N, C-alpha and C. Protein backbone atom coordinates (compact mmCIF):
# COMPACT_ATOMS: atom_id res chain seq x y z
N MET A 1 12.81 21.99 8.32
CA MET A 1 11.64 21.59 9.43
C MET A 1 11.17 20.42 8.08
N THR A 2 10.48 19.44 9.17
CA THR A 2 11.21 18.47 8.52
C THR A 2 9.36 17.06 8.34
N TRP A 3 8.22 18.22 9.66
CA TRP A 3 7.32 18.02 9.32
C TRP A 3 6.29 18.06 7.95
N ILE A 4 4.68 17.53 7.80
CA ILE A 4 4.06 17.49 6.92
C ILE A 4 2.86 17.86 8.13
N GLN A 5 1.88 19.12 7.43
CA GLN A 5 0.49 19.34 7.88
C GLN A 5 -0.71 18.38 7.35
N THR A 6 -1.58 17.54 7.49
CA THR A 6 -1.67 16.46 7.20
C THR A 6 -3.69 17.57 6.94
N ARG A 7 -4.46 16.66 5.85
CA ARG A 7 -5.84 16.56 5.41
C ARG A 7 -6.32 17.47 7.24
N SER A 8 -6.64 16.70 7.93
CA SER A 8 -7.60 16.97 9.34
C SER A 8 -6.31 17.30 9.95
N GLY A 9 -5.85 18.44 10.67
CA GLY A 9 -4.83 19.19 10.99
C GLY A 9 -3.77 18.91 11.60
N ARG A 10 -3.55 17.41 11.23
CA ARG A 10 -2.37 16.62 12.07
C ARG A 10 -0.96 17.07 12.23
N VAL A 11 -0.23 17.50 12.72
CA VAL A 11 1.09 17.57 12.38
C VAL A 11 2.56 16.13 12.58
N PHE A 12 2.90 15.92 11.00
CA PHE A 12 4.15 14.70 10.77
C PHE A 12 4.87 14.31 10.38
N ASP A 13 5.69 14.29 11.00
CA ASP A 13 7.13 14.03 11.37
C ASP A 13 7.92 13.07 10.30
N VAL A 14 8.32 13.23 9.46
CA VAL A 14 9.10 12.41 8.21
C VAL A 14 10.39 11.39 9.35
N ALA A 15 10.86 12.75 9.75
CA ALA A 15 12.18 12.27 10.39
C ALA A 15 12.25 11.92 10.92
N ASP A 16 11.43 12.22 11.93
CA ASP A 16 10.97 11.86 13.62
C ASP A 16 9.45 11.00 13.36
N PRO A 17 9.21 10.36 13.00
CA PRO A 17 7.35 10.12 13.36
C PRO A 17 7.57 9.01 14.48
N TRP A 18 5.91 9.51 14.97
CA TRP A 18 5.12 8.68 16.16
C TRP A 18 3.71 8.32 15.72
N ALA A 19 3.67 7.26 15.99
CA ALA A 19 2.91 6.16 15.31
C ALA A 19 1.42 7.32 15.51
N SER A 20 1.31 8.18 17.11
CA SER A 20 -0.03 8.50 17.23
C SER A 20 0.07 9.26 16.78
N GLU A 21 0.93 9.82 15.59
CA GLU A 21 0.41 10.82 14.61
C GLU A 21 -0.56 10.16 13.49
N VAL A 22 -0.16 9.16 13.46
CA VAL A 22 -1.24 8.21 12.32
C VAL A 22 -2.55 8.38 12.16
N SER A 23 -3.34 8.71 11.31
CA SER A 23 -4.66 8.93 10.78
C SER A 23 -4.97 7.86 10.03
N ILE A 24 -5.60 7.49 9.94
CA ILE A 24 -6.63 6.35 8.73
C ILE A 24 -7.47 7.30 7.68
N ALA A 25 -7.83 7.87 8.14
CA ALA A 25 -8.38 8.66 7.53
C ALA A 25 -7.76 10.12 6.28
N ASP A 26 -6.71 10.32 7.02
CA ASP A 26 -5.97 10.96 6.50
C ASP A 26 -5.22 10.75 5.11
N ILE A 27 -5.11 8.71 5.11
CA ILE A 27 -3.97 8.10 5.02
C ILE A 27 -5.42 7.93 3.61
N CYS A 28 -6.24 7.20 4.18
CA CYS A 28 -7.13 6.96 2.54
C CYS A 28 -7.57 8.17 1.71
N PHE A 29 -7.81 9.17 2.36
CA PHE A 29 -7.59 10.51 1.69
C PHE A 29 -6.41 11.00 0.62
N ALA A 30 -4.56 10.61 0.42
CA ALA A 30 -3.67 11.36 0.71
C ALA A 30 -4.03 10.40 -0.58
N LEU A 31 -3.91 8.44 -0.30
CA LEU A 31 -4.01 7.75 -1.43
C LEU A 31 -4.87 8.06 -2.64
N ALA A 32 -5.40 8.01 -2.34
CA ALA A 32 -7.22 8.75 -3.78
C ALA A 32 -6.93 9.15 -3.99
N ARG A 33 -5.43 10.65 -3.97
CA ARG A 33 -5.32 11.37 -4.75
C ARG A 33 -3.88 11.95 -4.52
N ILE A 34 -2.96 10.24 -4.62
CA ILE A 34 -1.74 10.20 -4.90
C ILE A 34 -1.56 9.83 -6.23
N ALA A 35 -0.69 10.05 -6.86
CA ALA A 35 -0.14 9.44 -8.08
C ALA A 35 0.36 8.38 -8.54
N ARG A 36 0.42 7.35 -9.14
CA ARG A 36 1.23 5.91 -9.40
C ARG A 36 1.94 7.09 -10.59
N PHE A 37 3.42 6.20 -10.48
CA PHE A 37 4.13 6.64 -12.02
C PHE A 37 4.40 8.02 -12.09
N THR A 38 4.72 8.57 -11.41
CA THR A 38 4.38 9.73 -11.36
C THR A 38 3.88 10.47 -11.97
N GLY A 39 3.11 9.91 -11.86
CA GLY A 39 2.12 11.10 -12.73
C GLY A 39 1.67 11.24 -14.66
N HIS A 40 3.04 10.28 -15.00
CA HIS A 40 3.53 9.51 -16.58
C HIS A 40 2.22 8.36 -16.68
N THR A 41 1.56 8.58 -17.06
CA THR A 41 0.25 6.93 -17.46
C THR A 41 -1.29 8.20 -17.86
N ARG A 42 -1.16 7.24 -19.02
CA ARG A 42 -2.79 8.07 -19.66
C ARG A 42 -3.55 8.64 -19.28
N ARG A 43 -4.02 8.22 -18.19
CA ARG A 43 -4.92 8.99 -17.97
C ARG A 43 -4.49 8.88 -15.83
N PHE A 44 -5.01 9.62 -14.80
CA PHE A 44 -4.80 9.75 -13.30
C PHE A 44 -5.05 8.34 -13.36
N TYR A 45 -3.89 7.90 -12.82
CA TYR A 45 -3.58 6.91 -11.49
C TYR A 45 -3.58 7.04 -10.61
N SER A 46 -3.86 6.83 -9.58
CA SER A 46 -3.57 7.15 -8.17
C SER A 46 -2.86 5.14 -7.41
N VAL A 47 -2.38 6.09 -5.78
CA VAL A 47 -1.76 4.96 -5.14
C VAL A 47 -3.34 3.80 -4.48
N GLY A 48 -4.21 5.48 -4.31
CA GLY A 48 -5.14 3.87 -4.18
C GLY A 48 -5.89 3.27 -4.67
N GLU A 49 -5.91 3.31 -6.10
CA GLU A 49 -6.46 2.73 -6.84
C GLU A 49 -5.77 0.96 -7.42
N HIS A 50 -4.42 1.40 -7.09
CA HIS A 50 -3.72 0.30 -6.83
C HIS A 50 -3.69 -0.43 -5.26
N THR A 51 -3.46 -0.50 -4.95
CA THR A 51 -4.50 -1.13 -3.83
C THR A 51 -5.41 -1.85 -4.25
N LEU A 52 -7.07 -0.87 -4.35
CA LEU A 52 -8.15 -1.78 -4.10
C LEU A 52 -8.35 -2.45 -5.61
N GLY A 53 -6.91 -2.78 -7.25
CA GLY A 53 -6.61 -3.67 -7.94
C GLY A 53 -5.72 -4.87 -7.27
N MET A 54 -5.19 -4.55 -6.78
CA MET A 54 -4.12 -5.58 -5.95
C MET A 54 -5.04 -6.49 -4.94
N LEU A 55 -5.84 -5.49 -4.19
CA LEU A 55 -7.51 -6.76 -3.72
C LEU A 55 -7.75 -7.59 -4.30
N ARG A 56 -8.19 -6.83 -5.63
CA ARG A 56 -9.62 -8.40 -6.51
C ARG A 56 -8.30 -8.99 -7.22
N LEU A 57 -7.18 -9.00 -7.48
CA LEU A 57 -6.01 -10.00 -7.68
C LEU A 57 -6.00 -10.70 -6.55
N TRP A 58 -5.88 -10.13 -5.55
CA TRP A 58 -6.30 -11.57 -4.27
C TRP A 58 -7.00 -11.65 -3.82
N SER A 59 -8.05 -11.39 -4.28
CA SER A 59 -9.88 -11.93 -4.08
C SER A 59 -9.93 -13.40 -5.02
N ARG A 60 -8.84 -13.18 -6.77
CA ARG A 60 -9.15 -14.33 -7.66
C ARG A 60 -7.75 -15.21 -6.59
N ASP A 61 -7.15 -15.58 -6.39
CA ASP A 61 -6.00 -15.76 -6.15
C ASP A 61 -6.02 -17.36 -5.62
N ASP A 62 -6.35 -18.28 -6.12
CA ASP A 62 -5.98 -20.00 -5.84
C ASP A 62 -5.74 -20.20 -4.44
N ARG A 63 -4.55 -19.41 -4.14
CA ARG A 63 -3.90 -18.46 -2.61
C ARG A 63 -4.52 -17.93 -1.43
N SER A 64 -5.73 -16.97 -1.93
CA SER A 64 -6.27 -17.25 -0.77
C SER A 64 -7.44 -18.21 -0.04
N ARG A 65 -8.12 -19.55 -1.13
CA ARG A 65 -8.76 -20.08 -1.07
C ARG A 65 -9.05 -20.88 -0.15
N ASN A 66 -7.51 -21.24 0.15
CA ASN A 66 -6.87 -22.59 0.99
C ASN A 66 -7.24 -22.37 2.49
N ASP A 67 -6.31 -21.28 3.10
CA ASP A 67 -6.50 -21.06 4.24
C ASP A 67 -6.95 -19.26 4.55
N PRO A 68 -8.45 -19.85 5.26
CA PRO A 68 -8.91 -18.90 5.80
C PRO A 68 -8.54 -17.37 6.26
N ARG A 69 -7.81 -17.74 7.93
CA ARG A 69 -6.93 -17.21 7.91
C ARG A 69 -5.20 -16.43 7.29
N PHE A 70 -4.26 -16.80 6.87
CA PHE A 70 -3.77 -16.63 5.79
C PHE A 70 -3.83 -15.45 4.80
N GLU A 71 -5.69 -15.84 4.54
CA GLU A 71 -6.31 -14.91 3.71
C GLU A 71 -6.97 -13.06 3.99
N VAL A 72 -6.67 -13.42 4.80
CA VAL A 72 -6.92 -12.24 6.07
C VAL A 72 -5.56 -11.03 5.91
N LEU A 73 -4.51 -12.38 6.67
CA LEU A 73 -3.47 -11.53 6.79
C LEU A 73 -2.52 -10.81 6.10
N VAL A 74 -2.35 -11.89 4.90
CA VAL A 74 -2.30 -10.74 2.93
C VAL A 74 -2.58 -10.23 2.72
N ARG A 75 -4.67 -10.42 2.97
CA ARG A 75 -5.90 -8.79 2.91
C ARG A 75 -5.07 -7.27 3.49
N GLY A 76 -4.65 -8.34 4.93
CA GLY A 76 -4.04 -7.23 5.32
C GLY A 76 -2.87 -5.90 5.44
N CYS A 77 -1.89 -7.17 4.19
CA CYS A 77 -0.71 -6.34 3.82
C CYS A 77 -1.03 -5.42 3.15
N VAL A 78 -2.44 -6.28 1.81
CA VAL A 78 -1.89 -5.74 0.68
C VAL A 78 -3.06 -4.22 1.45
N ILE A 79 -3.78 -4.26 2.06
CA ILE A 79 -4.28 -2.67 2.59
C ILE A 79 -3.74 -1.67 2.68
N THR A 80 -2.37 -2.44 3.59
CA THR A 80 -1.63 -1.45 4.22
C THR A 80 0.12 -1.29 3.83
N HIS A 81 0.27 -1.93 2.80
CA HIS A 81 1.06 -1.98 1.97
C HIS A 81 2.06 -0.95 1.41
N ASP A 82 0.98 0.12 1.20
CA ASP A 82 1.69 1.45 0.84
C ASP A 82 0.88 2.07 1.86
N MET A 83 0.69 2.12 2.55
CA MET A 83 -0.80 3.84 3.46
C MET A 83 0.86 4.35 4.05
N HIS A 84 2.36 4.54 4.25
CA HIS A 84 3.84 4.87 4.63
C HIS A 84 3.71 6.37 3.51
N GLU A 85 3.26 6.05 2.17
CA GLU A 85 3.35 6.82 1.07
C GLU A 85 2.21 8.09 1.30
N ALA A 86 1.17 8.07 2.23
CA ALA A 86 0.63 8.84 2.26
C ALA A 86 0.83 10.08 3.13
N TYR A 87 2.65 9.32 3.23
CA TYR A 87 3.13 10.66 4.17
C TYR A 87 4.32 11.02 3.56
N VAL A 88 5.43 10.15 2.06
CA VAL A 88 6.79 10.15 2.44
C VAL A 88 6.23 10.58 -0.03
N GLY A 89 4.53 10.31 0.11
CA GLY A 89 4.51 9.68 -1.78
C GLY A 89 4.70 8.83 -2.50
N ASP A 90 4.56 8.58 -3.46
CA ASP A 90 5.07 7.42 -3.92
C ASP A 90 6.60 7.62 -4.64
N MET A 91 7.29 7.30 -4.31
CA MET A 91 8.26 7.78 -4.91
C MET A 91 8.60 5.95 -6.13
N SER A 92 9.19 6.89 -7.36
CA SER A 92 9.06 5.30 -8.01
C SER A 92 10.80 4.24 -7.89
N ARG A 93 10.89 3.23 -8.62
CA ARG A 93 11.77 2.21 -8.24
C ARG A 93 12.96 2.63 -8.42
N PRO A 94 12.64 3.58 -9.62
CA PRO A 94 13.79 3.84 -10.50
C PRO A 94 14.63 5.40 -8.85
N VAL A 95 13.81 6.00 -8.42
CA VAL A 95 14.39 6.96 -7.65
C VAL A 95 14.65 5.69 -6.88
N LYS A 96 14.37 5.36 -5.80
CA LYS A 96 14.69 5.13 -4.53
C LYS A 96 16.25 4.16 -4.87
N ARG A 97 16.09 3.75 -6.19
CA ARG A 97 17.71 3.36 -6.05
C ARG A 97 18.75 3.83 -6.66
N ALA A 98 18.14 5.05 -7.16
CA ALA A 98 19.26 6.15 -6.90
C ALA A 98 19.48 7.04 -6.51
N MET A 99 18.53 6.79 -5.20
CA MET A 99 19.17 7.49 -3.53
C MET A 99 19.35 6.34 -3.13
N GLY A 100 18.90 5.69 -3.11
CA GLY A 100 20.39 4.88 -1.87
C GLY A 100 20.18 4.59 -0.08
N ASP A 101 20.75 4.31 0.33
CA ASP A 101 20.22 3.76 1.40
C ASP A 101 19.29 5.38 2.00
N ALA A 102 20.12 6.33 2.26
CA ALA A 102 19.45 7.65 2.82
C ALA A 102 17.05 7.68 2.94
N TRP A 103 17.21 7.11 1.35
CA TRP A 103 15.63 6.82 1.09
C TRP A 103 15.02 5.99 1.38
N LEU A 104 15.67 4.56 1.68
CA LEU A 104 15.47 3.63 2.08
C LEU A 104 14.82 3.32 3.40
N THR A 105 16.06 4.05 4.10
CA THR A 105 15.99 4.25 6.31
C THR A 105 15.20 5.00 5.76
N LEU A 106 15.20 6.31 5.35
CA LEU A 106 13.93 7.05 5.81
C LEU A 106 12.08 6.61 5.88
N GLU A 107 11.88 6.10 4.65
CA GLU A 107 10.94 4.88 3.98
C GLU A 107 10.27 3.92 5.35
N HIS A 108 11.80 3.51 4.58
CA HIS A 108 11.65 2.36 6.22
C HIS A 108 10.97 2.45 7.64
N ASN A 109 11.14 3.60 8.30
CA ASN A 109 11.20 4.28 9.12
C ASN A 109 9.94 4.63 9.02
N VAL A 110 9.48 5.35 8.26
CA VAL A 110 8.17 5.47 8.14
C VAL A 110 6.99 4.67 7.95
N MET A 111 7.34 4.03 7.09
CA MET A 111 6.75 2.84 7.01
C MET A 111 6.83 1.82 8.27
N ARG A 112 7.67 1.50 9.09
CA ARG A 112 7.03 1.37 10.31
C ARG A 112 6.29 1.88 11.28
N ARG A 113 6.33 2.93 11.52
CA ARG A 113 5.63 3.55 11.77
C ARG A 113 3.58 3.11 12.42
N VAL A 114 3.62 3.61 10.61
CA VAL A 114 2.44 3.67 9.84
C VAL A 114 2.73 1.90 10.56
N GLN A 115 2.97 1.41 9.85
CA GLN A 115 2.08 -0.74 10.62
C GLN A 115 2.13 -0.27 12.29
N CYS A 116 3.06 0.10 12.46
CA CYS A 116 2.42 0.19 13.99
C CYS A 116 1.11 0.37 14.59
N ALA A 117 0.66 1.52 13.98
CA ALA A 117 0.26 2.05 14.28
C ALA A 117 -1.72 1.75 14.06
N LEU A 118 -1.55 0.87 12.31
CA LEU A 118 -2.42 0.34 11.88
C LEU A 118 -2.13 -1.61 12.54
N GLY A 119 -1.67 -1.91 13.46
CA GLY A 119 -1.75 -3.38 13.60
C GLY A 119 -1.18 -4.48 12.36
N THR A 120 -0.35 -3.79 11.48
CA THR A 120 0.26 -4.94 10.35
C THR A 120 1.81 -5.29 10.60
N ALA A 121 2.13 -4.85 11.89
CA ALA A 121 3.70 -4.40 11.63
C ALA A 121 4.07 -6.22 11.82
N THR A 122 3.86 -6.58 13.12
CA THR A 122 3.59 -7.90 13.08
C THR A 122 3.05 -9.70 12.78
N LEU A 123 2.58 -9.05 11.96
CA LEU A 123 1.61 -9.25 10.84
C LEU A 123 3.56 -10.14 10.05
N ASP A 124 2.41 -12.18 10.25
CA ASP A 124 3.44 -12.63 8.88
C ASP A 124 4.02 -12.58 7.54
N GLY A 125 5.27 -13.39 8.09
CA GLY A 125 6.17 -13.46 7.09
C GLY A 125 6.13 -13.40 5.35
N ARG A 126 5.22 -14.68 5.61
CA ARG A 126 5.14 -15.22 4.38
C ARG A 126 4.08 -14.25 3.42
N ALA A 127 2.68 -13.82 4.52
CA ALA A 127 2.36 -12.93 3.85
C ALA A 127 2.34 -11.57 3.13
N TRP A 128 3.22 -11.09 3.37
CA TRP A 128 4.14 -10.36 3.16
C TRP A 128 5.25 -11.28 1.77
N GLY A 129 5.21 -12.05 1.96
CA GLY A 129 5.99 -11.78 0.47
C GLY A 129 5.11 -12.47 -0.95
N VAL A 130 3.86 -12.80 -0.42
CA VAL A 130 2.72 -12.87 -1.13
C VAL A 130 2.36 -11.48 -1.77
N CYS A 131 2.44 -10.63 -0.88
CA CYS A 131 2.05 -9.31 -0.88
C CYS A 131 2.84 -8.46 -1.91
N LYS A 132 3.80 -8.98 -1.68
CA LYS A 132 4.83 -8.51 -3.27
C LYS A 132 4.75 -8.98 -4.25
N ASP A 133 4.53 -10.78 -4.15
CA ASP A 133 4.14 -11.24 -5.58
C ASP A 133 3.10 -10.21 -5.88
N LEU A 134 2.35 -10.44 -5.81
CA LEU A 134 0.76 -9.24 -6.11
C LEU A 134 0.31 -7.84 -6.01
N ASP A 135 2.11 -7.56 -5.11
CA ASP A 135 2.77 -6.00 -6.71
C ASP A 135 2.79 -6.46 -7.73
N ASN A 136 4.02 -6.67 -7.68
CA ASN A 136 3.99 -7.41 -9.46
C ASN A 136 3.18 -7.55 -10.35
N LEU A 137 2.45 -8.28 -9.99
CA LEU A 137 1.67 -9.12 -10.85
C LEU A 137 0.73 -7.20 -11.18
N MET A 138 0.94 -6.96 -10.24
CA MET A 138 -0.32 -5.17 -10.43
C MET A 138 0.55 -4.76 -11.06
N LEU A 139 1.20 -4.21 -11.45
CA LEU A 139 2.88 -3.32 -11.92
C LEU A 139 2.54 -3.85 -13.52
N ALA A 140 2.94 -5.06 -13.96
CA ALA A 140 2.62 -5.50 -14.94
C ALA A 140 1.23 -5.25 -15.49
N LEU A 141 0.34 -5.16 -14.51
CA LEU A 141 -1.28 -5.27 -15.53
C LEU A 141 -1.00 -3.09 -15.60
N GLU A 142 -0.92 -2.57 -14.92
CA GLU A 142 -0.82 -1.32 -14.95
C GLU A 142 0.18 -1.73 -15.66
N ALA A 143 0.93 -1.43 -16.23
CA ALA A 143 2.70 -0.84 -17.55
C ALA A 143 1.01 -1.53 -18.10
N THR A 144 0.74 -2.85 -18.80
CA THR A 144 -0.38 -3.28 -20.17
C THR A 144 -1.14 -2.05 -20.19
N GLU A 145 -1.41 -1.75 -19.54
CA GLU A 145 -3.19 -0.95 -19.32
C GLU A 145 -2.51 1.13 -19.60
N LEU A 146 -1.05 1.47 -18.57
CA LEU A 146 -1.05 2.76 -18.54
C LEU A 146 -0.17 3.75 -19.02
N MET A 147 1.06 2.49 -19.57
CA MET A 147 1.73 3.15 -19.60
C MET A 147 1.97 2.67 -21.18
N GLN A 148 3.17 3.79 -22.08
CA GLN A 148 3.68 4.16 -22.90
C GLN A 148 4.68 2.58 -23.35
N TRP A 149 5.26 2.35 -22.78
CA TRP A 149 6.38 1.22 -23.72
C TRP A 149 6.10 -0.76 -23.71
N PRO A 150 6.38 -0.67 -24.52
CA PRO A 150 6.00 -2.08 -24.39
C PRO A 150 6.44 -3.12 -23.42
N GLU A 151 6.11 -4.51 -23.08
CA GLU A 151 6.80 -4.90 -21.83
C GLU A 151 7.71 -5.11 -21.71
N SER A 152 8.42 -5.73 -23.21
CA SER A 152 9.29 -6.26 -23.35
C SER A 152 10.31 -5.40 -22.61
N ALA A 153 10.39 -3.97 -22.18
CA ALA A 153 11.18 -2.70 -21.72
C ALA A 153 11.06 -2.60 -20.39
N TRP A 154 10.16 -3.96 -19.14
CA TRP A 154 9.64 -4.08 -18.56
C TRP A 154 10.57 -5.23 -18.02
N THR A 155 12.15 -5.82 -18.23
CA THR A 155 12.08 -7.08 -17.39
C THR A 155 12.20 -7.94 -16.25
N SER A 156 12.67 -7.31 -15.29
CA SER A 156 12.66 -6.87 -14.05
C SER A 156 11.17 -8.09 -13.41
N LEU A 157 9.88 -7.88 -14.53
CA LEU A 157 8.89 -8.53 -13.75
C LEU A 157 8.50 -9.99 -14.33
N GLY A 158 9.47 -10.18 -15.41
CA GLY A 158 9.59 -11.91 -14.76
C GLY A 158 8.51 -12.24 -16.44
N ASP A 159 7.99 -13.49 -15.25
CA ASP A 159 6.38 -13.88 -15.76
C ASP A 159 5.38 -12.52 -15.67
N ALA A 160 4.90 -12.06 -14.91
CA ALA A 160 4.41 -11.32 -14.27
C ALA A 160 3.30 -10.99 -15.33
N PHE A 161 3.40 -10.75 -16.54
CA PHE A 161 2.67 -10.20 -17.28
C PHE A 161 2.21 -10.91 -18.50
N ASP A 162 2.79 -12.43 -18.47
CA ASP A 162 2.08 -13.47 -18.93
C ASP A 162 1.04 -14.36 -18.04
N ARG A 163 1.03 -13.84 -16.54
CA ARG A 163 0.31 -13.62 -15.13
C ARG A 163 -0.97 -12.90 -15.19
N VAL A 164 -1.59 -11.82 -15.80
CA VAL A 164 -2.19 -11.04 -15.82
C VAL A 164 -2.15 -11.57 -17.43
N ARG A 165 -2.07 -11.32 -18.11
CA ARG A 165 -3.00 -11.58 -19.66
C ARG A 165 -3.90 -11.78 -19.63
N GLY A 166 -5.48 -10.62 -20.12
CA GLY A 166 -6.26 -10.28 -19.99
C GLY A 166 -6.97 -9.99 -18.98
N MET A 167 -7.05 -10.18 -17.70
CA MET A 167 -6.96 -9.51 -17.67
C MET A 167 -7.13 -7.73 -17.40
N ARG A 168 -7.82 -6.78 -16.15
CA ARG A 168 -8.41 -5.47 -17.00
C ARG A 168 -8.40 -5.48 -15.40
N LEU A 169 -7.54 -3.57 -15.12
CA LEU A 169 -8.33 -3.24 -14.25
C LEU A 169 -9.03 -2.95 -13.46
N HIS A 170 -10.18 -1.91 -14.79
CA HIS A 170 -11.88 -1.66 -14.61
C HIS A 170 -12.45 -1.85 -16.13
N ARG A 171 -13.70 -2.53 -15.72
CA ARG A 171 -14.67 -2.85 -16.45
C ARG A 171 -14.13 -0.69 -17.22
N ALA A 172 -14.07 -0.88 -19.03
CA ALA A 172 -13.52 0.37 -19.56
C ALA A 172 -14.40 0.86 -19.95
N ASP A 173 -15.80 0.75 -19.13
CA ASP A 173 -16.19 2.38 -19.58
C ASP A 173 -16.42 2.89 -17.86
N ARG A 174 -16.44 2.33 -17.04
CA ARG A 174 -15.72 2.46 -15.76
C ARG A 174 -14.32 2.91 -14.60
N GLU A 175 -13.87 4.47 -14.79
CA GLU A 175 -12.87 4.61 -13.72
C GLU A 175 -13.31 5.18 -12.19
N PRO A 176 -13.48 4.48 -11.29
CA PRO A 176 -13.39 4.91 -9.62
C PRO A 176 -13.08 6.46 -10.04
N GLY A 177 -13.61 7.48 -9.07
CA GLY A 177 -12.97 8.78 -8.64
C GLY A 177 -12.22 9.53 -7.42
N ALA A 178 -11.59 9.74 -7.65
CA ALA A 178 -10.63 10.30 -6.08
C ALA A 178 -12.27 9.74 -4.74
N SER A 179 -12.96 10.66 -4.70
CA SER A 179 -14.20 10.51 -3.09
C SER A 179 -14.16 8.80 -3.46
N GLU A 180 -14.85 7.61 -4.49
CA GLU A 180 -15.35 6.64 -4.47
C GLU A 180 -14.04 5.51 -4.29
N ILE A 181 -12.58 5.78 -4.20
CA ILE A 181 -11.86 5.85 -3.80
C ILE A 181 -11.83 6.06 -2.45
N GLU A 182 -11.46 6.65 -2.09
CA GLU A 182 -11.13 7.17 -0.70
C GLU A 182 -12.21 6.01 0.33
N GLU A 183 -12.96 6.34 0.63
CA GLU A 183 -14.01 5.03 0.33
C GLU A 183 -14.17 4.34 1.01
N ARG A 184 -13.90 3.57 -0.62
CA ARG A 184 -13.74 2.19 -0.55
C ARG A 184 -12.47 1.81 0.11
N LEU A 185 -11.81 3.05 0.25
CA LEU A 185 -10.01 2.11 1.18
C LEU A 185 -10.40 2.09 2.66
N LEU A 186 -11.31 2.99 2.76
CA LEU A 186 -11.58 3.06 4.63
C LEU A 186 -12.39 2.04 4.58
N SER A 187 -13.36 1.59 3.29
CA SER A 187 -14.51 -0.20 4.20
C SER A 187 -13.34 -0.82 4.16
N GLU A 188 -12.82 -1.18 3.68
CA GLU A 188 -11.59 -2.43 2.92
C GLU A 188 -10.98 -2.38 4.71
N PHE A 189 -10.34 -1.47 4.76
CA PHE A 189 -9.43 -1.22 5.80
C PHE A 189 -10.18 -1.70 7.18
N ASP A 190 -12.28 -0.69 7.94
CA ASP A 190 -12.58 -1.16 8.68
C ASP A 190 -12.97 -2.50 8.32
N ARG A 191 -13.12 -3.15 7.11
CA ARG A 191 -13.39 -5.10 6.70
C ARG A 191 -12.85 -5.60 6.97
N TRP A 192 -11.06 -5.55 6.85
CA TRP A 192 -10.50 -6.09 7.82
C TRP A 192 -10.19 -6.16 9.25
N GLN A 193 -10.62 -4.96 9.45
CA GLN A 193 -9.53 -4.85 10.79
C GLN A 193 -11.13 -6.05 11.80
N ARG A 194 -11.96 -6.08 11.14
CA ARG A 194 -13.51 -6.31 11.49
C ARG A 194 -12.99 -8.43 11.66
N ASP A 195 -12.56 -9.12 10.28
CA ASP A 195 -12.22 -9.86 10.29
C ASP A 195 -11.16 -10.71 11.02
N TYR A 196 -9.61 -9.14 10.63
CA TYR A 196 -8.94 -10.03 12.09
C TYR A 196 -8.46 -10.66 12.75
N GLU A 197 -9.91 -9.80 13.83
CA GLU A 197 -10.50 -9.99 15.37
C GLU A 197 -11.11 -11.10 14.82
N SER A 198 -12.03 -11.51 14.63
CA SER A 198 -13.06 -12.39 14.63
C SER A 198 -11.93 -13.83 14.56
N SER A 199 -11.05 -13.40 13.29
CA SER A 199 -10.39 -14.80 12.86
C SER A 199 -9.29 -14.70 13.20
N ILE A 200 -8.56 -14.55 13.84
CA ILE A 200 -6.86 -14.63 14.43
C ILE A 200 -7.15 -13.80 15.88
N GLY A 201 -7.66 -13.23 16.01
CA GLY A 201 -7.88 -11.96 17.83
C GLY A 201 -7.29 -11.11 17.64
N GLU A 202 -7.28 -10.35 18.95
CA GLU A 202 -6.99 -8.62 18.62
C GLU A 202 -5.76 -8.12 17.96
N LEU A 203 -6.13 -6.86 17.38
CA LEU A 203 -4.53 -6.27 16.77
C LEU A 203 -3.49 -5.37 17.98
N VAL A 204 -2.68 -5.86 16.85
CA VAL A 204 -1.81 -5.03 18.41
C VAL A 204 -1.30 -3.48 17.87
N GLN A 205 -1.98 -2.82 17.95
CA GLN A 205 -1.44 -1.45 17.71
C GLN A 205 -1.28 -0.66 18.81
N VAL A 206 -0.01 0.14 18.11
CA VAL A 206 0.73 0.98 19.02
C VAL A 206 0.79 2.67 18.85
N ALA A 207 0.39 2.82 19.92
CA ALA A 207 -0.09 4.44 20.22
C ALA A 207 1.17 5.23 19.89
N GLY A 208 2.22 5.21 20.76
CA GLY A 208 3.89 5.46 19.87
C GLY A 208 4.56 5.02 19.20
N ARG A 209 5.62 5.25 20.09
CA ARG A 209 7.17 4.42 19.19
C ARG A 209 6.68 3.09 20.36
N PRO A 210 7.31 2.09 19.47
CA PRO A 210 7.54 0.75 20.60
C PRO A 210 8.82 1.35 21.69
N ALA A 211 8.98 -0.10 22.49
CA ALA A 211 9.68 0.23 23.50
C ALA A 211 10.65 0.24 23.76
N HIS A 212 11.28 -0.01 22.76
CA HIS A 212 12.95 0.00 22.35
C HIS A 212 13.22 0.79 21.09
N ASP A 213 12.50 2.36 20.75
CA ASP A 213 12.65 3.18 20.20
C ASP A 213 12.01 3.80 20.31
N GLU A 214 12.77 4.80 21.34
CA GLU A 214 11.71 6.30 22.26
C GLU A 214 12.77 6.90 21.77
N ARG A 215 11.40 8.10 21.87
CA ARG A 215 12.21 9.29 21.21
C ARG A 215 13.66 9.84 22.12
N GLY A 216 14.03 10.01 21.54
CA GLY A 216 15.52 10.30 22.60
C GLY A 216 17.05 8.89 22.63
N ALA A 217 16.31 7.94 22.68
CA ALA A 217 16.55 6.06 22.46
C ALA A 217 18.61 6.93 22.12
């Protein structure tokens, strides 16, 4: 058996996924409750909270101010970059490396189906590059506030710690709960869809699979 049942009762087969099985409501519910860093943080910290944090970083980034269309493209990448984890979980980078091609193939396949369903499969490659940079910046900020190791242990992040120095995940007196994070993710996705369609054009959303990748092909 390679399928899971989602919050709404849908069936999602991780080994043979269809975009029609994807539900944004299921995704936002799950991401607000799936732990980052396999749970080894000073407090509970979800994938959904990570996504909202990246959106805040992008809103303060100078690169988001020069080109309104590009701002929308990057925002779409940020909002959806981890949404496949609602179906496969948040696997830490060391575990991904240890598992090798088998995991990367499965994750890429599920990620692609989710992107097809949500309309982000064809977003600008430059936008995905900025999203990856923001992901690393967010990782540095999370490591500073939520983890025990000193930043010198996170050598793969380069100058990311210097770039986020002085920033905080939240106000010290407030940490959002799962229901609030779920609602904010849904709201941000809806807002992004509206902004995309008003500034760029109609989203291309695939209900099943791309024509070149049909079941049994």
